[in-house]
């Protein structure tokens, strides 16, 4: 079975969250095949979960001082700090492919990231509900939505990271961090820290593709966003993701 692979690489934050929704809608309407989308945000960004209250999740004054953008995605989960040093994958697939149980669905998709890291010589493990850990430290987290007959899951693989920036920009869940025996400044690790060298982005993308192909027994065919998706992305940025009313809503 052929699935679609799209790689947008470095793009603006509003584009990323709009693209997630546009691709999910296009898959749900059978306009495009099941799709894996790679991107990196071109500036430092906080991505809020759909249900989060911004004041409880983000240090707004720090973000203003450091020019950190804030966007709100359509999936749930916690706020994450991302930028050019974070590779994000968005997977939009027919919901019948994954288990109905949310935890099992997360485990299935995150299993592809675990396989990808093993391909890169990194021993990783899935940690319920939605994280991938290396030596007890988070290297990838994910969020999910089940709607329109599809599952949209996206996750972040940390290539390079500034933990001081992360812990200053976010109001982190200290109980969860302490439960794992970590501190805010060491809770998240990165491929650079793990391997001791600058990551090869294309090699990492290739490993992730192989991981998903193995988990779902499919093959990817690389393509571009369709005219339908590009038009919808522009509309969603204008009407939703480019507006403070959406991104900063309580």
Protein backbone atom coordinates (compact mmCIF):
# COMPACT_ATOMS: atom_id res chain seq x y z
CA UNK A 1 0.00 0.00 0.00
CA UNK A 2 1.24 3.48 -0.89
CA UNK A 3 1.05 6.39 1.53
CA UNK A 4 2.10 9.96 0.80
CA UNK A 5 5.19 11.72 2.20
CA UNK A 6 5.39 15.53 2.23
CA UNK A 7 8.42 17.48 3.48
CA UNK A 8 7.89 21.21 4.04
CA UNK A 9 11.09 21.62 6.09
CA UNK A 10 11.44 25.16 7.57
CA UNK A 11 8.13 27.03 7.60
CA UNK A 12 6.28 29.66 9.62
CA UNK A 13 4.48 28.51 12.79
CA UNK A 14 0.98 29.44 11.58
CA UNK A 15 1.57 27.42 8.41
CA UNK A 16 2.44 24.30 10.42
CA UNK A 17 -0.77 24.13 12.43
CA UNK A 18 -2.88 25.10 9.42
CA UNK A 19 -1.20 22.39 7.36
CA UNK A 20 -1.95 19.78 10.03
CA UNK A 21 -5.66 20.56 9.76
CA UNK A 22 -5.70 20.91 5.97
CA UNK A 23 -3.98 17.56 5.46
CA UNK A 24 -6.28 15.88 8.00
CA UNK A 25 -9.35 17.23 6.20
CA UNK A 26 -8.03 16.21 2.80
CA UNK A 27 -7.37 12.66 4.03
CA UNK A 28 -10.85 12.51 5.57
CA UNK A 29 -12.41 13.55 2.26
CA UNK A 30 -10.37 10.95 0.31
CA UNK A 31 -8.70 13.70 -1.71
CA UNK A 32 -5.25 12.39 -0.77
CA UNK A 33 -3.83 9.14 0.62
CA UNK A 34 -2.81 8.67 4.24
CA UNK A 35 -0.02 11.19 4.72
CA UNK A 36 3.16 11.73 6.73
CA UNK A 37 4.25 15.38 6.84
CA UNK A 38 7.67 16.60 8.02
CA UNK A 39 8.30 20.20 9.05
CA UNK A 40 10.38 22.42 11.30
CA UNK A 41 9.23 25.78 12.64
CA UNK A 42 11.52 28.54 11.42
CA UNK A 43 11.42 30.52 14.68
CA UNK A 44 11.12 29.68 18.37
CA UNK A 45 7.50 28.74 19.00
CA UNK A 46 5.18 27.46 21.70
CA UNK A 47 2.61 25.02 20.35
CA UNK A 48 -0.39 24.91 22.69
CA UNK A 49 -2.72 21.94 23.01
CA UNK A 50 -6.31 22.61 21.92
CA UNK A 51 -7.73 22.65 25.45
CA UNK A 52 -4.96 24.52 27.26
CA UNK A 53 -5.29 27.85 29.02
CA UNK A 54 -2.41 29.96 27.80
CA UNK A 55 -1.78 31.75 31.12
CA UNK A 56 -1.48 28.42 32.96
CA UNK A 57 0.87 26.91 30.40
CA UNK A 58 3.12 29.69 29.16
CA UNK A 59 5.32 32.38 30.66
CA UNK A 60 3.91 35.13 28.47
CA UNK A 61 6.28 37.87 29.59
CA UNK A 62 9.33 35.71 28.84
CA UNK A 63 7.90 34.82 25.41
CA UNK A 64 7.36 38.51 24.62
CA UNK A 65 10.92 39.35 25.66
CA UNK A 66 12.40 36.55 23.53
CA UNK A 67 10.01 37.00 20.56
CA UNK A 68 8.70 33.45 20.93
CA UNK A 69 5.58 32.91 18.85
CA UNK A 70 2.52 31.09 20.18
CA UNK A 71 0.21 28.92 18.10
CA UNK A 72 -2.64 26.63 19.11
CA UNK A 73 -3.05 23.27 17.41
CA UNK A 74 -6.20 21.19 16.96
CA UNK A 75 -4.83 18.21 18.88
CA UNK A 76 -4.80 17.95 22.66
CA UNK A 77 -1.83 17.44 24.92
CA UNK A 78 0.58 19.81 26.60
CA UNK A 79 2.38 22.89 25.35
CA UNK A 80 5.71 22.24 23.64
CA UNK A 81 8.63 24.49 22.80
CA UNK A 82 9.86 24.05 19.22
CA UNK A 83 12.07 25.76 16.67
CA UNK A 84 14.51 24.94 13.88
CA UNK A 85 16.15 22.35 16.14
CA UNK A 86 12.98 20.27 16.39
CA UNK A 87 11.75 17.95 13.64
CA UNK A 88 7.97 17.59 13.71
CA UNK A 89 6.03 14.81 12.01
CA UNK A 90 2.31 14.97 11.32
CA UNK A 91 0.58 11.68 10.50
CA UNK A 92 -3.00 11.75 9.16
CA UNK A 93 -4.49 8.31 8.51
CA UNK A 94 -7.83 6.52 8.37
CA UNK A 95 -8.93 5.84 11.96
CA UNK A 96 -9.62 2.14 11.24
CA UNK A 97 -5.89 1.54 10.84
CA UNK A 98 -5.18 2.25 14.52
CA UNK A 99 -6.60 0.67 17.69
CA UNK A 100 -9.66 2.41 19.15
CA UNK A 101 -7.87 2.63 22.48
CA UNK A 102 -6.05 5.97 22.62
CA UNK A 103 -3.06 4.65 24.56
CA UNK A 104 -2.62 1.75 22.13
CA UNK A 105 -2.89 4.16 19.20
CA UNK A 106 -0.15 6.33 20.68
CA UNK A 107 2.00 3.28 21.31
CA UNK A 108 1.60 2.11 17.71
CA UNK A 109 2.59 5.42 16.14
CA UNK A 110 5.37 6.14 18.64
CA UNK A 111 6.68 2.65 17.91
CA UNK A 112 7.77 3.98 14.52
CA UNK A 113 9.89 6.63 16.25
CA UNK A 114 11.42 4.01 18.56
CA UNK A 115 12.36 1.94 15.48
CA UNK A 116 13.78 5.02 13.76
CA UNK A 117 16.01 5.80 16.72
CA UNK A 118 17.21 2.21 16.87
CA UNK A 119 18.04 2.51 13.15
CA UNK A 120 20.22 5.47 14.18
CA UNK A 121 21.92 3.42 16.90
CA UNK A 122 19.94 4.95 19.79
CA UNK A 123 18.24 2.70 22.33
CA UNK A 124 14.82 4.29 22.96
CA UNK A 125 11.58 3.20 24.59
CA UNK A 126 7.95 4.20 24.47
CA UNK A 127 6.60 5.71 27.70
CA UNK A 128 2.83 5.87 28.10
CA UNK A 129 0.92 7.91 27.29
CA UNK A 130 2.72 9.66 24.45
CA UNK A 131 6.49 10.00 24.95
CA UNK A 132 9.66 8.38 23.66
CA UNK A 133 12.52 8.27 26.15
CA UNK A 134 16.27 7.68 26.01
CA UNK A 135 17.84 6.82 29.38
CA UNK A 136 14.71 8.11 31.10
CA UNK A 137 14.80 11.48 29.36
CA UNK A 138 12.27 12.71 26.81
CA UNK A 139 13.46 12.97 23.22
CA UNK A 140 10.04 12.92 21.55
CA UNK A 141 6.49 13.75 22.63
CA UNK A 142 3.27 13.58 20.66
CA UNK A 143 -0.36 14.69 20.54
CA UNK A 144 -3.39 13.17 18.87
CA UNK A 145 -6.87 13.89 17.57
CA UNK A 146 -9.55 11.51 16.34
CA UNK A 147 -12.13 13.30 14.18
CA UNK A 148 -13.65 13.24 10.67
CA UNK A 149 -12.97 9.50 10.43
CA UNK A 150 -9.21 9.97 10.71
CA UNK A 151 -6.50 10.06 13.35
CA UNK A 152 -4.10 12.98 13.30
CA UNK A 153 -0.99 12.48 15.38
CA UNK A 154 2.00 14.74 15.39
CA UNK A 155 5.13 14.52 17.42
CA UNK A 156 8.40 16.35 17.91
CA UNK A 157 11.83 14.77 17.72
CA UNK A 158 14.36 16.97 19.50
CA UNK A 159 17.45 17.44 17.34
CA UNK A 160 19.02 20.31 19.31
CA UNK A 161 17.54 21.91 22.39
CA UNK A 162 18.03 24.81 24.78
CA UNK A 163 16.64 23.43 28.03
CA UNK A 164 16.99 26.77 29.79
CA UNK A 165 14.83 28.41 27.14
CA UNK A 166 12.30 25.57 27.36
CA UNK A 167 12.00 25.66 31.15
CA UNK A 168 11.74 29.47 31.13
CA UNK A 169 9.11 29.68 28.37
CA UNK A 170 6.82 26.92 29.67
CA UNK A 171 5.11 26.38 32.99
CA UNK A 172 6.07 22.74 33.16
CA UNK A 173 4.34 19.88 34.95
CA UNK A 174 6.83 19.50 37.79
CA UNK A 175 5.05 16.50 39.32
CA UNK A 176 5.38 14.54 36.07
CA UNK A 177 9.04 15.50 35.74
CA UNK A 178 9.87 14.56 39.34
CA UNK A 179 8.01 11.28 38.92
CA UNK A 180 10.58 10.35 36.28
CA UNK A 181 13.47 11.35 38.51
CA UNK A 182 14.39 14.37 36.42
CA UNK A 183 14.67 18.12 36.83
CA UNK A 184 13.14 20.72 34.45
CA UNK A 185 16.56 21.64 33.08
CA UNK A 186 17.45 18.00 32.28
CA UNK A 187 14.01 16.53 31.55
CA UNK A 188 14.38 16.82 27.77
CA UNK A 189 17.37 15.50 25.83
CA UNK A 190 18.29 15.80 22.15
CA UNK A 191 19.86 13.78 19.35
CA UNK A 192 22.91 16.04 19.57
CA UNK A 193 23.31 15.42 23.29
CA UNK A 194 22.76 11.67 22.93
CA UNK A 195 25.18 11.15 20.04
CA UNK A 196 27.66 13.93 20.77
CA UNK A 197 27.48 15.21 17.21
CA UNK A 198 25.35 17.40 14.96
CA UNK A 199 22.43 15.33 13.62
CA UNK A 200 22.15 14.46 9.94
CA UNK A 201 18.62 15.68 9.24
CA UNK A 202 18.10 13.70 6.04
CA UNK A 203 19.36 10.51 7.67
CA UNK A 204 16.95 11.04 10.55
CA UNK A 205 14.00 11.62 8.21
CA UNK A 206 14.91 8.49 6.28
CA UNK A 207 15.00 6.46 9.50
CA UNK A 208 11.57 7.76 10.53
CA UNK A 209 10.14 6.86 7.13
CA UNK A 210 11.54 3.34 7.49
CA UNK A 211 10.05 3.13 10.97
CA UNK A 212 6.57 4.01 9.78
CA UNK A 213 6.85 1.71 6.76
CA UNK A 214 7.76 -1.19 9.07
CA UNK A 215 5.02 -0.52 11.62
CA UNK A 216 2.22 -0.10 9.07
CA UNK A 217 3.57 -2.41 6.31
CA UNK A 218 3.33 0.32 3.67
CA UNK A 219 5.53 2.30 1.30
CA UNK A 220 5.75 6.07 1.04
CA UNK A 221 5.67 8.04 -2.15
CA UNK A 222 7.05 11.57 -1.87
CA UNK A 223 4.78 14.33 -3.12
CA UNK A 224 3.86 18.00 -2.66
CA UNK A 225 0.83 19.56 -1.03
CA UNK A 226 -2.12 19.72 -3.41
CA UNK A 227 -3.81 22.91 -4.61
CA UNK A 228 -6.73 22.01 -2.35
CA UNK A 229 -4.47 21.83 0.70
CA UNK A 230 -2.55 25.02 -0.12
CA UNK A 231 -5.78 26.95 -0.61
CA UNK A 232 -7.20 25.60 2.65
CA UNK A 233 -3.97 26.40 4.52
CA UNK A 234 -4.18 30.05 3.45
CA UNK A 235 -7.83 30.19 4.48
CA UNK A 236 -7.13 28.61 7.88
CA UNK A 237 -4.26 31.02 8.56
CA UNK A 238 -6.47 34.00 7.72
CA UNK A 239 -9.49 32.79 9.67
CA UNK A 240 -7.92 30.90 12.57
CA UNK A 241 -4.25 30.14 13.07
CA UNK A 242 -2.95 33.59 12.23
CA UNK A 243 -5.23 35.25 14.77
CA UNK A 244 -4.73 35.93 18.46
CA UNK A 245 -8.43 35.16 19.08
CA UNK A 246 -7.67 31.51 18.30
CA UNK A 247 -4.10 31.17 19.57
CA UNK A 248 -4.61 32.99 22.87
CA UNK A 249 -8.18 31.92 23.63
CA UNK A 250 -8.99 30.91 27.19
